[in-house]
Amino acid sequence: MQGRKTALIVRVDDVQREQLLLWLRATKTPVGLAKRAWAMLLLADGQSYAATSRQVGLRERHVRKWAKRFLRDGPAGLHDAPRSGRPPVFSPRRGDSPGQDGLRAAG
């Protein structure tokens, strides 16, 4: 039994393929981005969404989500979107919060 055909067909040109391979080879690439790049390369090579999800270690619905973003925005669509939330309280450089002297001993 074959299953249904997908409407999302990922095609990668030479420039995009080179960018995705660059992310896969770089040691500083975040794991999530590397998995997404690997998934797009597998899909572009004709592998199914189910087989790609098993090989890469993502759920099939997530592979489809990233494929949609890739088709819409290209390789830039594979980056994480900015998240909402409270801004950081501590300075990344100094490690202490403004207005506090740090921890004090009781007593």
N, C-alpha and C. Protein backbone atom coordinates (compact mmCIF):
# COMPACT_ATOMS: atom_id res chain seq x y z
N MET A 1 0.84 -1.18 0.00
CA MET A 1 0.00 0.00 0.00
C MET A 1 0.89 1.25 0.00
N GLN A 2 0.67 2.12 -0.94
CA GLN A 2 1.53 3.26 -1.16
C GLN A 2 1.26 4.42 -0.23
N GLY A 3 0.05 4.83 -0.06
CA GLY A 3 -0.25 6.04 0.69
C GLY A 3 -0.45 7.20 -0.27
N ARG A 4 -0.76 8.33 0.28
CA ARG A 4 -1.04 9.48 -0.57
C ARG A 4 0.24 10.21 -0.95
N LYS A 5 0.17 10.92 -2.06
CA LYS A 5 1.29 11.74 -2.50
C LYS A 5 1.20 13.10 -1.83
N THR A 6 2.31 13.70 -1.57
CA THR A 6 2.33 15.00 -0.90
C THR A 6 2.35 16.13 -1.92
N ALA A 7 1.79 17.24 -1.53
CA ALA A 7 1.83 18.44 -2.37
C ALA A 7 3.08 19.25 -2.09
N LEU A 8 3.77 18.95 -1.01
CA LEU A 8 4.99 19.68 -0.64
C LEU A 8 6.21 18.96 -1.23
N ILE A 9 6.67 19.45 -2.35
CA ILE A 9 7.86 18.87 -2.98
C ILE A 9 9.00 19.86 -2.80
N VAL A 10 10.01 19.43 -2.08
CA VAL A 10 11.15 20.30 -1.77
C VAL A 10 12.18 20.17 -2.89
N ARG A 11 12.51 21.30 -3.47
CA ARG A 11 13.57 21.37 -4.48
C ARG A 11 14.63 22.35 -3.96
N VAL A 12 15.87 21.97 -4.16
CA VAL A 12 16.99 22.76 -3.65
C VAL A 12 17.91 23.08 -4.82
N ASP A 13 18.20 24.37 -5.00
CA ASP A 13 19.17 24.73 -6.04
C ASP A 13 20.59 24.59 -5.48
N ASP A 14 21.58 24.84 -6.33
CA ASP A 14 22.98 24.62 -5.93
C ASP A 14 23.40 25.53 -4.78
N VAL A 15 22.96 26.78 -4.81
CA VAL A 15 23.34 27.72 -3.74
C VAL A 15 22.72 27.30 -2.41
N GLN A 16 21.45 26.92 -2.44
CA GLN A 16 20.78 26.47 -1.21
C GLN A 16 21.40 25.19 -0.69
N ARG A 17 21.71 24.26 -1.60
CA ARG A 17 22.34 22.99 -1.17
C ARG A 17 23.68 23.27 -0.50
N GLU A 18 24.45 24.18 -1.06
CA GLU A 18 25.75 24.51 -0.48
C GLU A 18 25.58 25.12 0.92
N GLN A 19 24.58 25.98 1.10
CA GLN A 19 24.31 26.58 2.41
C GLN A 19 23.92 25.52 3.43
N LEU A 20 23.04 24.60 3.03
CA LEU A 20 22.61 23.54 3.94
C LEU A 20 23.78 22.62 4.31
N LEU A 21 24.60 22.29 3.33
CA LEU A 21 25.76 21.45 3.62
C LEU A 21 26.77 22.17 4.51
N LEU A 22 26.90 23.47 4.34
CA LEU A 22 27.78 24.26 5.20
C LEU A 22 27.32 24.18 6.65
N TRP A 23 26.00 24.29 6.86
CA TRP A 23 25.47 24.19 8.22
C TRP A 23 25.71 22.80 8.80
N LEU A 24 25.59 21.77 7.98
CA LEU A 24 25.80 20.41 8.47
C LEU A 24 27.25 20.16 8.85
N ARG A 25 28.17 20.74 8.12
CA ARG A 25 29.60 20.51 8.38
C ARG A 25 30.15 21.36 9.51
N ALA A 26 29.53 22.49 9.78
CA ALA A 26 30.06 23.40 10.80
C ALA A 26 29.87 22.81 12.19
N THR A 27 30.87 22.96 13.02
CA THR A 27 30.79 22.41 14.38
C THR A 27 29.99 23.30 15.32
N LYS A 28 29.79 24.56 14.96
CA LYS A 28 29.08 25.50 15.83
C LYS A 28 27.60 25.64 15.48
N THR A 29 27.12 24.89 14.50
CA THR A 29 25.72 24.96 14.11
C THR A 29 24.85 24.34 15.21
N PRO A 30 23.79 25.01 15.64
CA PRO A 30 22.89 24.40 16.63
C PRO A 30 22.30 23.09 16.10
N VAL A 31 22.06 22.16 16.98
CA VAL A 31 21.60 20.82 16.60
C VAL A 31 20.27 20.89 15.85
N GLY A 32 19.36 21.73 16.32
CA GLY A 32 18.06 21.84 15.67
C GLY A 32 18.18 22.30 14.23
N LEU A 33 19.01 23.29 13.99
CA LEU A 33 19.21 23.81 12.64
C LEU A 33 19.86 22.75 11.75
N ALA A 34 20.81 22.00 12.29
CA ALA A 34 21.46 20.95 11.52
C ALA A 34 20.47 19.85 11.14
N LYS A 35 19.58 19.48 12.06
CA LYS A 35 18.57 18.47 11.76
C LYS A 35 17.63 18.93 10.67
N ARG A 36 17.24 20.21 10.73
CA ARG A 36 16.34 20.75 9.72
C ARG A 36 17.01 20.80 8.35
N ALA A 37 18.28 21.19 8.32
CA ALA A 37 19.02 21.23 7.07
C ALA A 37 19.15 19.83 6.48
N TRP A 38 19.46 18.86 7.32
CA TRP A 38 19.59 17.47 6.89
C TRP A 38 18.26 16.97 6.33
N ALA A 39 17.17 17.31 7.00
CA ALA A 39 15.85 16.89 6.54
C ALA A 39 15.54 17.48 5.16
N MET A 40 15.85 18.75 4.94
CA MET A 40 15.57 19.37 3.64
C MET A 40 16.41 18.73 2.54
N LEU A 41 17.65 18.36 2.85
CA LEU A 41 18.48 17.70 1.86
C LEU A 41 17.93 16.31 1.51
N LEU A 42 17.47 15.58 2.51
CA LEU A 42 16.89 14.26 2.26
C LEU A 42 15.61 14.38 1.44
N LEU A 43 14.77 15.35 1.77
CA LEU A 43 13.53 15.54 1.01
C LEU A 43 13.84 15.95 -0.43
N ALA A 44 14.84 16.79 -0.62
CA ALA A 44 15.21 17.22 -1.96
C ALA A 44 15.76 16.06 -2.79
N ASP A 45 16.34 15.07 -2.11
CA ASP A 45 16.86 13.89 -2.80
C ASP A 45 15.78 12.85 -3.08
N GLY A 46 14.53 13.16 -2.72
CA GLY A 46 13.41 12.29 -3.06
C GLY A 46 12.96 11.34 -1.98
N GLN A 47 13.48 11.49 -0.78
CA GLN A 47 13.05 10.60 0.30
C GLN A 47 11.68 11.04 0.81
N SER A 48 10.90 10.12 1.32
CA SER A 48 9.56 10.44 1.82
C SER A 48 9.65 11.17 3.16
N TYR A 49 8.54 11.79 3.53
CA TYR A 49 8.50 12.51 4.81
C TYR A 49 8.64 11.54 5.98
N ALA A 50 8.01 10.38 5.87
CA ALA A 50 8.08 9.39 6.96
C ALA A 50 9.51 8.89 7.14
N ALA A 51 10.17 8.54 6.04
CA ALA A 51 11.54 8.03 6.13
C ALA A 51 12.49 9.13 6.61
N THR A 52 12.27 10.35 6.15
CA THR A 52 13.11 11.47 6.58
C THR A 52 12.95 11.70 8.07
N SER A 53 11.73 11.68 8.57
CA SER A 53 11.50 11.93 9.99
C SER A 53 12.17 10.85 10.85
N ARG A 54 12.12 9.60 10.41
CA ARG A 54 12.79 8.53 11.16
C ARG A 54 14.29 8.71 11.16
N GLN A 55 14.85 9.07 10.02
CA GLN A 55 16.31 9.19 9.91
C GLN A 55 16.85 10.38 10.68
N VAL A 56 16.13 11.50 10.63
CA VAL A 56 16.63 12.73 11.24
C VAL A 56 16.32 12.77 12.74
N GLY A 57 15.24 12.12 13.15
CA GLY A 57 14.88 12.13 14.57
C GLY A 57 13.87 13.21 14.93
N LEU A 58 13.08 13.63 13.96
CA LEU A 58 12.00 14.59 14.19
C LEU A 58 10.67 13.91 13.91
N ARG A 59 9.60 14.47 14.45
CA ARG A 59 8.27 13.97 14.11
C ARG A 59 7.94 14.37 12.67
N GLU A 60 7.11 13.56 12.02
CA GLU A 60 6.78 13.83 10.62
C GLU A 60 6.08 15.18 10.47
N ARG A 61 5.23 15.52 11.43
CA ARG A 61 4.54 16.81 11.33
C ARG A 61 5.51 17.98 11.44
N HIS A 62 6.60 17.80 12.20
CA HIS A 62 7.59 18.86 12.30
C HIS A 62 8.42 18.96 11.02
N VAL A 63 8.70 17.83 10.39
CA VAL A 63 9.40 17.86 9.11
C VAL A 63 8.55 18.60 8.08
N ARG A 64 7.25 18.35 8.08
CA ARG A 64 6.35 19.06 7.16
C ARG A 64 6.32 20.56 7.46
N LYS A 65 6.29 20.90 8.75
CA LYS A 65 6.27 22.31 9.14
C LYS A 65 7.52 23.03 8.63
N TRP A 66 8.68 22.42 8.83
CA TRP A 66 9.92 23.06 8.39
C TRP A 66 10.03 23.07 6.88
N ALA A 67 9.46 22.06 6.20
CA ALA A 67 9.46 22.06 4.73
C ALA A 67 8.63 23.22 4.20
N LYS A 68 7.48 23.49 4.84
CA LYS A 68 6.65 24.63 4.44
C LYS A 68 7.42 25.93 4.61
N ARG A 69 8.11 26.07 5.73
CA ARG A 69 8.89 27.29 5.97
C ARG A 69 10.05 27.41 4.99
N PHE A 70 10.67 26.28 4.67
CA PHE A 70 11.77 26.29 3.70
C PHE A 70 11.26 26.70 2.33
N LEU A 71 10.12 26.18 1.92
CA LEU A 71 9.56 26.54 0.62
C LEU A 71 9.15 28.01 0.57
N ARG A 72 8.71 28.54 1.70
CA ARG A 72 8.28 29.94 1.76
C ARG A 72 9.47 30.90 1.82
N ASP A 73 10.48 30.59 2.68
CA ASP A 73 11.55 31.55 2.97
C ASP A 73 12.94 31.09 2.56
N GLY A 74 13.08 29.89 2.03
CA GLY A 74 14.41 29.38 1.70
C GLY A 74 15.15 28.95 2.95
N PRO A 75 16.47 28.86 2.89
CA PRO A 75 17.25 28.42 4.05
C PRO A 75 17.05 29.29 5.29
N ALA A 76 16.75 30.56 5.12
CA ALA A 76 16.52 31.44 6.27
C ALA A 76 15.29 31.00 7.07
N GLY A 77 14.36 30.30 6.44
CA GLY A 77 13.17 29.83 7.13
C GLY A 77 13.43 28.70 8.11
N LEU A 78 14.62 28.12 8.08
CA LEU A 78 14.95 27.02 8.99
C LEU A 78 15.46 27.50 10.34
N HIS A 79 15.74 28.78 10.46
CA HIS A 79 16.18 29.33 11.75
C HIS A 79 14.99 29.43 12.70
N ASP A 80 15.27 29.34 14.00
CA ASP A 80 14.24 29.54 15.00
C ASP A 80 13.74 30.97 14.95
N ALA A 81 12.44 31.13 15.10
CA ALA A 81 11.86 32.47 15.16
C ALA A 81 12.12 33.06 16.55
N PRO A 82 12.20 34.38 16.66
CA PRO A 82 12.35 34.97 18.00
C PRO A 82 11.15 34.63 18.87
N ARG A 83 11.43 34.38 20.11
CA ARG A 83 10.36 33.99 21.03
C ARG A 83 10.02 35.15 21.95
N SER A 84 8.77 35.17 22.34
CA SER A 84 8.36 36.18 23.29
C SER A 84 8.77 35.75 24.69
N GLY A 85 8.73 36.66 25.58
CA GLY A 85 9.09 36.32 26.94
C GLY A 85 9.72 37.49 27.65
N ARG A 86 9.94 37.30 28.90
CA ARG A 86 10.54 38.34 29.72
C ARG A 86 12.00 38.55 29.32
N PRO A 87 12.44 39.80 29.23
CA PRO A 87 13.85 40.03 28.92
C PRO A 87 14.74 39.54 30.06
N PRO A 88 15.97 39.17 29.76
CA PRO A 88 16.85 38.67 30.82
C PRO A 88 17.12 39.73 31.88
N VAL A 89 17.19 39.28 33.12
CA VAL A 89 17.41 40.18 34.25
C VAL A 89 18.89 40.39 34.47
N PHE A 90 19.68 39.36 34.27
CA PHE A 90 21.11 39.43 34.54
C PHE A 90 21.87 39.82 33.29
N SER A 91 22.92 40.59 33.48
CA SER A 91 23.78 40.97 32.38
C SER A 91 24.56 39.75 31.93
N PRO A 92 24.67 39.53 30.63
CA PRO A 92 25.43 38.35 30.18
C PRO A 92 26.91 38.44 30.51
N ARG A 93 27.45 39.64 30.65
CA ARG A 93 28.88 39.79 30.92
C ARG A 93 29.21 39.72 32.40
N ARG A 94 28.48 40.44 33.21
CA ARG A 94 28.86 40.59 34.61
C ARG A 94 28.26 39.50 35.50
N GLY A 95 27.07 39.04 35.18
CA GLY A 95 26.47 37.98 35.97
C GLY A 95 25.78 38.45 37.22
N ASP A 96 25.72 39.75 37.49
CA ASP A 96 25.00 40.21 38.67
C ASP A 96 23.86 41.13 38.23
N SER A 97 22.85 41.20 39.04
CA SER A 97 21.70 42.03 38.69
C SER A 97 21.91 43.44 39.18
N PRO A 98 21.34 44.43 38.51
CA PRO A 98 21.50 45.81 38.94
C PRO A 98 20.79 46.05 40.26
N GLY A 99 21.42 46.78 41.16
CA GLY A 99 20.79 47.16 42.41
C GLY A 99 20.94 46.16 43.53
N GLN A 100 21.63 45.08 43.31
CA GLN A 100 21.83 44.08 44.37
C GLN A 100 23.32 43.92 44.61
N ASP A 101 23.65 43.62 45.82
CA ASP A 101 25.05 43.39 46.18
C ASP A 101 25.40 41.91 46.14
N GLY A 102 24.55 41.11 45.61
CA GLY A 102 24.79 39.67 45.60
C GLY A 102 24.21 39.03 46.84
N LEU A 103 24.61 37.83 47.12
CA LEU A 103 24.11 37.11 48.29
C LEU A 103 24.86 37.57 49.54
N ARG A 104 24.11 37.72 50.62
CA ARG A 104 24.71 38.10 51.90
C ARG A 104 24.48 36.97 52.89
N ALA A 105 25.39 36.84 53.82
CA ALA A 105 25.25 35.84 54.86
C ALA A 105 24.19 36.30 55.87
N ALA A 106 23.39 35.38 56.34
CA ALA A 106 22.34 35.72 57.32
C ALA A 106 22.99 35.97 58.67
N GLY A 107 22.40 36.93 59.41
CA GLY A 107 22.82 37.09 60.77
C GLY A 107 23.64 38.25 61.01
